[in-house]
Every structure is written in C-alpha cells, then in structure tokens.
C-alpha cells in the first residue's frame, strides 16, 4: 500500500508507548487511538501516539485525586515531593508557590480555585513532558544514525 511506511503497526505503537499489545488493541477498539484498518492490520499514524499517551496519562487520576495529592505536599503529576520557595516571608505570595522536585511541575496555591483548575495545569504540563520525551526519542535516533556512519 502506498504510504504504508508512514504508519505504525499496533506492535510498534505498543513498544513506543511502553504498553502491552492488548492495551493498544483496547484503545483502538474504543476509538481512543487514531488508526485505520487494512485487512486485519491496524495502521496508526505516529502523531496519534502523543495524543493517546497524553490522554491515557491524564485519565489515570481524577481532578479530586490530583487536588488531594497537592494538599498533602505531593506532585499531582508524578507524586514526588512538592517544595515551597525557601526564605519566603509571610507577607509575600512566594510561600504559596509549590514546585515538584522531580518533574518541574509548579503552581501557585492562590491561583487554584478548584480541582479542575489544577487538572488543567496538570494537562498542560503532561503535554510539555510528552514533547520532551518525543524530542529525546528523535535525538536518540539521530545519534544512532550518526554512530552508523
């Protein structure tokens, strides 16, 4: 088929997303992973992996669960410790600023009025992390090609 090399198989998608093949098939059947079928083979455009990965990660926790983590001093993205700015005096808002020690997620407590507000920030941060991961994969492939020269 013309242009078929522009698509990934379910097996390739599973490897790139670090998911089981059965999980990929469940996503495909549920319509949560963009693809088309040719005979018995699913053809998945590479850009669909970013959206599927992001959606899967975002759906793992409810906004209320993310809020609960943040209230306990844990990052709502990766559950690592949240720290506040050192040497912040009580008169400034700096003592309400929280930042994750592992993934870099940050927010200002005063700006979060509801679990949905926090959930939107988490979604935005996950999008940025996915872009970094994709860029890392591209850099790894470029280095691998370079080593073959």
Protein backbone atom coordinates (compact mmCIF):
# COMPACT_ATOMS: atom_id res chain seq x y z
CA UNK A 1 0.00 0.00 0.00
CA UNK A 2 1.28 3.44 -0.89
CA UNK A 3 2.38 5.47 2.14
CA UNK A 4 2.08 2.49 4.48
CA UNK A 5 5.58 3.15 5.80
CA UNK A 6 4.21 6.40 7.27
CA UNK A 7 2.16 4.34 9.73
CA UNK A 8 2.97 2.18 12.72
CA UNK A 9 1.62 -1.26 13.50
CA UNK A 10 -0.07 -2.00 16.81
CA UNK A 11 3.10 -3.81 17.92
CA UNK A 12 5.28 -0.78 17.13
CA UNK A 13 2.83 1.53 18.92
CA UNK A 14 2.89 -0.74 21.99
CA UNK A 15 6.69 -0.60 22.06
CA UNK A 16 6.84 3.18 21.67
CA UNK A 17 4.18 3.80 24.34
CA UNK A 18 5.56 1.13 26.69
CA UNK A 19 2.14 -0.51 26.80
CA UNK A 20 1.01 -4.06 26.31
CA UNK A 21 -0.30 -5.04 22.90
CA UNK A 22 -3.67 -5.91 24.45
CA UNK A 23 -3.90 -2.36 25.89
CA UNK A 24 -3.23 -0.91 22.43
CA UNK A 25 -5.98 -3.10 20.94
CA UNK A 26 -8.40 -1.93 23.67
CA UNK A 27 -7.57 1.71 22.84
CA UNK A 28 -8.06 1.01 19.13
CA UNK A 29 -11.42 -0.72 19.64
CA UNK A 30 -12.60 2.08 21.95
CA UNK A 31 -11.64 4.70 19.36
CA UNK A 32 -9.14 6.33 21.76
CA UNK A 33 -6.23 5.79 19.41
CA UNK A 34 -6.49 7.21 15.90
CA UNK A 35 -5.95 4.49 13.31
CA UNK A 36 -7.37 2.81 10.26
CA UNK A 37 -7.59 -0.81 9.45
CA UNK A 38 -6.27 -2.51 6.33
CA UNK A 39 -7.46 -6.08 6.35
CA UNK A 40 -6.57 -7.34 9.82
CA UNK A 41 -3.76 -4.83 10.35
CA UNK A 42 -4.20 -1.58 12.23
CA UNK A 43 -2.29 1.35 10.71
CA UNK A 44 -1.56 4.06 13.26
CA UNK A 45 -0.19 7.49 12.32
CA UNK A 46 2.83 8.35 14.54
CA UNK A 47 1.28 11.63 15.71
CA UNK A 48 -1.62 9.67 17.23
CA UNK A 49 0.75 8.19 19.81
CA UNK A 50 1.32 11.53 21.52
CA UNK A 51 -2.41 12.16 21.89
CA UNK A 52 -3.08 8.61 23.12
CA UNK A 53 -0.24 8.71 25.62
CA UNK A 54 -1.36 12.10 26.92
CA UNK A 55 -4.99 11.01 27.21
CA UNK A 56 -4.06 7.78 28.98
CA UNK A 57 -1.84 9.60 31.45
CA UNK A 58 -4.37 12.34 32.12
CA UNK A 59 -7.20 9.86 32.72
CA UNK A 60 -5.25 7.97 35.39
CA UNK A 61 -6.19 10.42 38.15
CA UNK A 62 -9.36 12.39 38.75
CA UNK A 63 -9.10 16.14 39.41
CA UNK A 64 -10.09 15.44 43.02
CA UNK A 65 -7.28 12.90 43.44
CA UNK A 66 -4.77 15.37 41.98
CA UNK A 67 -6.02 18.01 44.42
CA UNK A 68 -5.66 15.55 47.31
CA UNK A 69 -2.05 14.82 46.35
CA UNK A 70 -1.21 18.54 46.15
CA UNK A 71 -2.81 19.19 49.54
CA UNK A 72 -0.54 16.52 51.04
CA UNK A 73 2.55 18.12 49.51
CA UNK A 74 2.87 15.65 46.64
CA UNK A 75 3.06 16.47 42.93
CA UNK A 76 -0.23 15.81 41.13
CA UNK A 77 1.75 14.83 38.01
CA UNK A 78 4.32 12.35 39.35
CA UNK A 79 3.66 12.15 43.15
CA UNK A 80 7.16 13.35 44.09
CA UNK A 81 7.62 15.92 46.83
CA UNK A 82 6.43 19.48 46.30
CA UNK A 83 8.64 22.15 47.85
CA UNK A 84 7.97 25.79 48.58
CA UNK A 85 10.33 28.65 47.97
CA UNK A 86 12.93 28.94 50.69
CA UNK A 87 13.29 32.22 52.58
CA UNK A 88 9.79 33.37 51.60
CA UNK A 89 8.43 35.85 54.08
CA UNK A 90 4.82 35.63 55.22
CA UNK A 91 3.91 38.94 53.59
CA UNK A 92 4.58 37.68 50.05
CA UNK A 93 2.79 35.08 47.99
CA UNK A 94 6.06 33.24 47.49
CA UNK A 95 5.30 30.94 50.42
CA UNK A 96 2.25 29.70 48.46
CA UNK A 97 4.31 28.72 45.39
CA UNK A 98 4.93 24.96 45.05
CA UNK A 99 7.34 23.16 42.71
CA UNK A 100 7.98 19.47 42.11
CA UNK A 101 11.49 18.25 42.86
CA UNK A 102 11.36 15.65 40.04
CA UNK A 103 9.25 16.72 37.05
CA UNK A 104 9.34 20.51 37.44
CA UNK A 105 5.56 20.97 37.76
CA UNK A 106 4.81 24.20 39.60
CA UNK A 107 1.80 26.20 40.65
CA UNK A 108 0.71 28.96 42.97
CA UNK A 109 -1.80 27.79 45.56
CA UNK A 110 -3.69 31.09 45.41
CA UNK A 111 -4.36 30.61 41.68
CA UNK A 112 -6.02 27.20 42.16
CA UNK A 113 -9.70 27.68 42.93
CA UNK A 114 -10.96 24.19 42.10
CA UNK A 115 -9.70 20.69 41.31
CA UNK A 116 -10.49 21.40 37.64
CA UNK A 117 -8.09 24.39 37.66
CA UNK A 118 -5.29 22.15 38.91
CA UNK A 119 -6.28 19.44 36.40
CA UNK A 120 -5.86 21.95 33.53
CA UNK A 121 -2.34 22.79 34.75
CA UNK A 122 -1.52 19.08 35.03
CA UNK A 123 -2.77 18.52 31.46
CA UNK A 124 -0.60 21.37 30.16
CA UNK A 125 2.46 20.01 31.99
CA UNK A 126 1.86 16.49 30.64
CA UNK A 127 1.75 17.95 27.12
CA UNK A 128 5.14 19.60 27.69
CA UNK A 129 6.61 16.40 29.13
CA UNK A 130 5.36 14.40 26.13
CA UNK A 131 7.06 16.86 23.78
CA UNK A 132 10.33 16.47 25.70
CA UNK A 133 10.06 12.68 25.51
CA UNK A 134 9.39 12.81 21.76
CA UNK A 135 12.34 15.17 21.26
CA UNK A 136 14.50 12.77 23.26
CA UNK A 137 13.45 9.87 21.05
CA UNK A 138 14.28 11.87 17.94
CA UNK A 139 17.67 12.80 19.37
CA UNK A 140 18.36 9.14 20.24
CA UNK A 141 17.52 8.06 16.68
CA UNK A 142 19.75 10.81 15.27
CA UNK A 143 22.64 9.68 17.49
CA UNK A 144 22.09 6.06 16.46
CA UNK A 145 22.24 7.04 12.80
CA UNK A 146 25.41 9.03 13.48
CA UNK A 147 27.07 6.02 15.11
CA UNK A 148 26.45 4.00 11.94
CA UNK A 149 28.33 6.49 9.76
